[in-house]
Amino acid sequence: MATIECACPPTPAGDVRHPDGDLVTLRERLDFRSSLTARNAIVVLKSEDADASPGEILAALTETYLLVGIESWTLVDARGKPVPVSKAAIRVLMEEHQESAMAIGDEADGLYNEAVIGPLVRKASSSSPPTPIGASTSATGGGSPPRKRSRPSSTSTTPMAATERMSASPAGGSSSSRS
């Protein structure tokens, strides 16, 4: 149930008919047809406008929730007679009292979103193909043949023409002397 600012025409004396606001009762849950109507609102919107944003999709859902979810209200006409709940009357409320319609819409979203959108989300997530895993970057046994090891370097045993002899210096370093 949502309480909104009185959306009724004022009394003949100009007073607000419902100073504490109007009460709008939403169905506790949507029946099959109403749930399917809400889901199909998404399909229709996307077929009419492939670039419809998520915000537009949610707005279409909320509008549908109001059209199929409002069960009763305390709205009266200028003569004080109850206004029957109908799609036409709901559309007038949405157009002429947008803030009130948004407040009712917030309540309806809380009641109906899981039942309407939840199965779609679960179906989409379970039917998504698994994310491919890239090829391993580890070395494998296949591919090009292994490289040959190079031969170990050889050491020369040929005496060198000028060799120096190293001896310790008194300062702790080394000094060289020619032999």
Protein backbone atom coordinates (compact mmCIF):
# COMPACT_ATOMS: atom_id res chain seq x y z
CA MET A 1 0.00 0.00 0.00
CA ALA A 2 1.27 3.48 -0.84
CA THR A 3 0.14 6.78 0.57
CA ILE A 4 0.40 9.66 -1.88
CA GLU A 5 -0.47 13.33 -1.77
CA CYS A 6 -4.20 13.70 -2.44
CA ALA A 7 -4.67 13.53 -6.21
CA CYS A 8 -8.40 14.26 -6.09
CA PRO A 9 -9.95 17.52 -7.25
CA PRO A 10 -10.57 19.92 -4.32
CA THR A 11 -13.98 20.13 -2.65
CA PRO A 12 -16.42 22.82 -3.87
CA ALA A 13 -15.14 24.94 -0.97
CA GLY A 14 -11.54 24.49 -2.30
CA ASP A 15 -10.37 22.16 0.45
CA VAL A 16 -8.18 19.11 -0.06
CA ARG A 17 -10.40 16.05 -0.02
CA HIS A 18 -7.93 13.79 1.74
CA PRO A 19 -5.57 15.88 3.90
CA ASP A 20 -3.71 12.74 5.00
CA GLY A 21 -3.28 11.65 1.36
CA ASP A 22 -4.80 9.04 -0.89
CA LEU A 23 -4.21 5.35 -0.33
CA VAL A 24 -3.28 3.16 -3.26
CA THR A 25 -3.36 -0.61 -2.78
CA LEU A 26 -1.20 -2.79 -4.98
CA ARG A 27 -1.85 -6.44 -5.64
CA GLU A 28 0.31 -8.55 -3.34
CA ARG A 29 1.67 -10.39 -6.37
CA LEU A 30 1.06 -10.33 -10.08
CA ASP A 31 -0.81 -13.17 -11.72
CA PHE A 32 0.66 -15.06 -14.68
CA ARG A 33 -0.83 -12.79 -17.35
CA SER A 34 0.26 -9.61 -15.58
CA SER A 35 3.80 -10.92 -15.05
CA LEU A 36 4.04 -11.91 -18.69
CA THR A 37 2.67 -8.51 -19.72
CA ALA A 38 5.48 -6.83 -17.78
CA ARG A 39 8.14 -9.08 -19.32
CA ASN A 40 6.75 -8.50 -22.79
CA ALA A 41 6.93 -4.73 -22.24
CA ILE A 42 10.72 -5.15 -22.39
CA VAL A 43 10.53 -7.14 -25.63
CA VAL A 44 8.21 -4.62 -27.27
CA LEU A 45 10.32 -1.65 -26.19
CA LYS A 46 13.52 -3.24 -27.52
CA SER A 47 11.83 -4.15 -30.82
CA GLU A 48 10.63 -0.55 -31.23
CA ASP A 49 13.92 0.99 -30.08
CA ALA A 50 17.00 -1.23 -30.21
CA ASP A 51 18.95 1.54 -28.44
CA ALA A 52 16.59 1.72 -25.45
CA SER A 53 18.62 2.39 -22.33
CA PRO A 54 18.33 0.36 -19.13
CA GLY A 55 16.57 3.36 -17.57
CA GLU A 56 13.95 3.35 -20.30
CA ILE A 57 13.43 -0.38 -19.87
CA LEU A 58 12.95 0.02 -16.11
CA ALA A 59 10.54 2.93 -16.67
CA ALA A 60 8.47 0.79 -19.05
CA LEU A 61 8.39 -1.98 -16.44
CA THR A 62 7.28 0.41 -13.69
CA GLU A 63 4.55 1.83 -15.92
CA THR A 64 3.34 -1.71 -16.60
CA TYR A 65 3.45 -2.53 -12.88
CA LEU A 66 1.12 0.40 -12.20
CA LEU A 67 -1.25 -0.54 -15.02
CA VAL A 68 -1.56 -4.17 -13.89
CA GLY A 69 -0.74 -3.88 -10.19
CA ILE A 70 -3.03 -1.17 -8.80
CA GLU A 71 -5.91 -2.95 -7.14
CA SER A 72 -7.78 -0.12 -5.41
CA TRP A 73 -7.44 3.50 -4.33
CA THR A 74 -9.25 6.29 -2.53
CA LEU A 75 -9.37 8.66 -5.51
CA VAL A 76 -12.67 10.47 -6.09
CA ASP A 77 -13.89 12.77 -8.86
CA ALA A 78 -15.04 16.40 -8.59
CA ARG A 79 -18.46 15.29 -7.25
CA GLY A 80 -16.83 13.11 -4.58
CA LYS A 81 -17.69 9.83 -6.30
CA PRO A 82 -15.03 7.08 -6.30
CA VAL A 83 -12.94 6.88 -9.47
CA PRO A 84 -12.89 3.26 -10.64
CA VAL A 85 -9.43 1.79 -11.15
CA SER A 86 -8.87 1.44 -14.88
CA LYS A 87 -5.94 1.72 -17.24
CA ALA A 88 -7.26 5.07 -18.46
CA ALA A 89 -7.57 6.44 -14.90
CA ILE A 90 -4.08 5.12 -14.01
CA ARG A 91 -2.65 6.85 -17.10
CA VAL A 92 -4.27 10.12 -16.02
CA LEU A 93 -2.75 9.73 -12.56
CA MET A 94 0.70 9.05 -14.09
CA GLU A 95 0.44 12.09 -16.37
CA GLU A 96 -1.08 14.62 -13.97
CA HIS A 97 0.57 13.48 -10.72
CA GLN A 98 4.00 12.22 -11.75
CA GLU A 99 5.60 12.38 -8.30
CA SER A 100 2.75 10.39 -6.79
CA ALA A 101 2.95 7.89 -9.65
CA MET A 102 6.70 7.53 -9.04
CA ALA A 103 6.10 6.86 -5.34
CA ILE A 104 3.59 4.14 -6.22
CA GLY A 105 6.04 2.86 -8.84
CA ASP A 106 8.79 2.53 -6.22
CA GLU A 107 6.45 0.43 -4.09
CA ALA A 108 5.47 -1.68 -7.11
CA ASP A 109 9.11 -2.21 -8.11
CA GLY A 110 9.81 -3.57 -4.66
CA LEU A 111 6.88 -5.98 -4.90
CA TYR A 112 7.21 -7.21 -8.47
CA ASN A 113 10.78 -6.87 -9.77
CA GLU A 114 12.08 -10.17 -8.38
CA ALA A 115 9.11 -12.11 -9.74
CA VAL A 116 9.29 -10.49 -13.18
CA ILE A 117 12.99 -9.78 -13.76
CA GLY A 118 14.56 -12.44 -11.53
CA PRO A 119 13.77 -15.40 -13.82
CA LEU A 120 15.06 -13.46 -16.84
CA VAL A 121 18.34 -12.68 -15.11
CA ARG A 122 18.77 -16.26 -13.91
CA LYS A 123 17.99 -17.62 -17.37
CA ALA A 124 20.42 -15.22 -19.03
CA SER A 125 23.22 -16.03 -16.62
CA SER A 126 22.75 -19.80 -16.86
CA SER A 127 22.49 -19.81 -20.66
CA SER A 128 25.57 -17.68 -21.22
CA PRO A 129 28.39 -19.56 -22.89
CA PRO A 130 31.33 -20.18 -20.59
CA THR A 131 34.09 -17.64 -20.80
CA PRO A 132 36.93 -19.02 -22.90
CA ILE A 133 40.19 -19.54 -21.09
CA GLY A 134 43.28 -18.41 -23.01
CA ALA A 135 45.95 -20.86 -24.05
CA SER A 136 48.59 -21.69 -21.52
CA THR A 137 51.70 -19.56 -21.57
CA SER A 138 53.80 -22.31 -20.03
CA ALA A 139 56.47 -24.02 -22.13
CA THR A 140 55.29 -27.15 -23.83
CA GLY A 141 57.07 -30.12 -25.34
CA GLY A 142 55.92 -29.32 -28.86
CA GLY A 143 57.07 -26.68 -31.26
CA SER A 144 60.58 -26.10 -32.59
CA PRO A 145 63.39 -28.59 -31.86
CA PRO A 146 65.50 -27.89 -28.78
CA ARG A 147 68.65 -25.85 -29.27
CA LYS A 148 72.03 -27.61 -29.11
CA ARG A 149 74.15 -26.83 -26.13
CA SER A 150 77.24 -24.90 -26.97
CA ARG A 151 80.59 -26.48 -26.25
CA PRO A 152 82.22 -25.43 -23.01
CA SER A 153 84.89 -22.83 -23.47
CA SER A 154 88.46 -24.07 -23.37
CA THR A 155 91.23 -22.60 -21.30
CA SER A 156 94.56 -21.92 -22.85
CA THR A 157 97.71 -23.44 -21.42
CA THR A 158 99.97 -21.42 -23.64
CA PRO A 159 102.16 -19.05 -21.60
CA MET A 160 101.53 -15.45 -22.25
CA ALA A 161 104.29 -13.12 -23.25
CA ALA A 162 103.92 -10.64 -20.44
CA THR A 163 102.61 -11.96 -17.18
CA GLU A 164 102.37 -10.07 -14.00
CA ARG A 165 102.75 -11.38 -10.57
CA MET A 166 100.41 -10.18 -7.87
CA SER A 167 101.58 -9.65 -4.37
CA ALA A 168 99.93 -8.13 -1.34
CA SER A 169 100.71 -4.51 -0.69
CA PRO A 170 101.37 -3.16 2.81
CA ALA A 171 98.16 -1.12 2.55
CA GLY A 172 96.04 -4.24 2.17
CA GLY A 173 95.46 -4.04 -1.59
CA SER A 174 97.48 -5.79 -4.21
CA SER A 175 100.34 -4.52 -6.23
CA SER A 176 101.69 -5.92 -9.38
CA SER A 177 105.26 -6.46 -10.41
CA ARG A 178 106.53 -7.53 -13.76
CA SER A 179 108.60 -10.62 -13.91
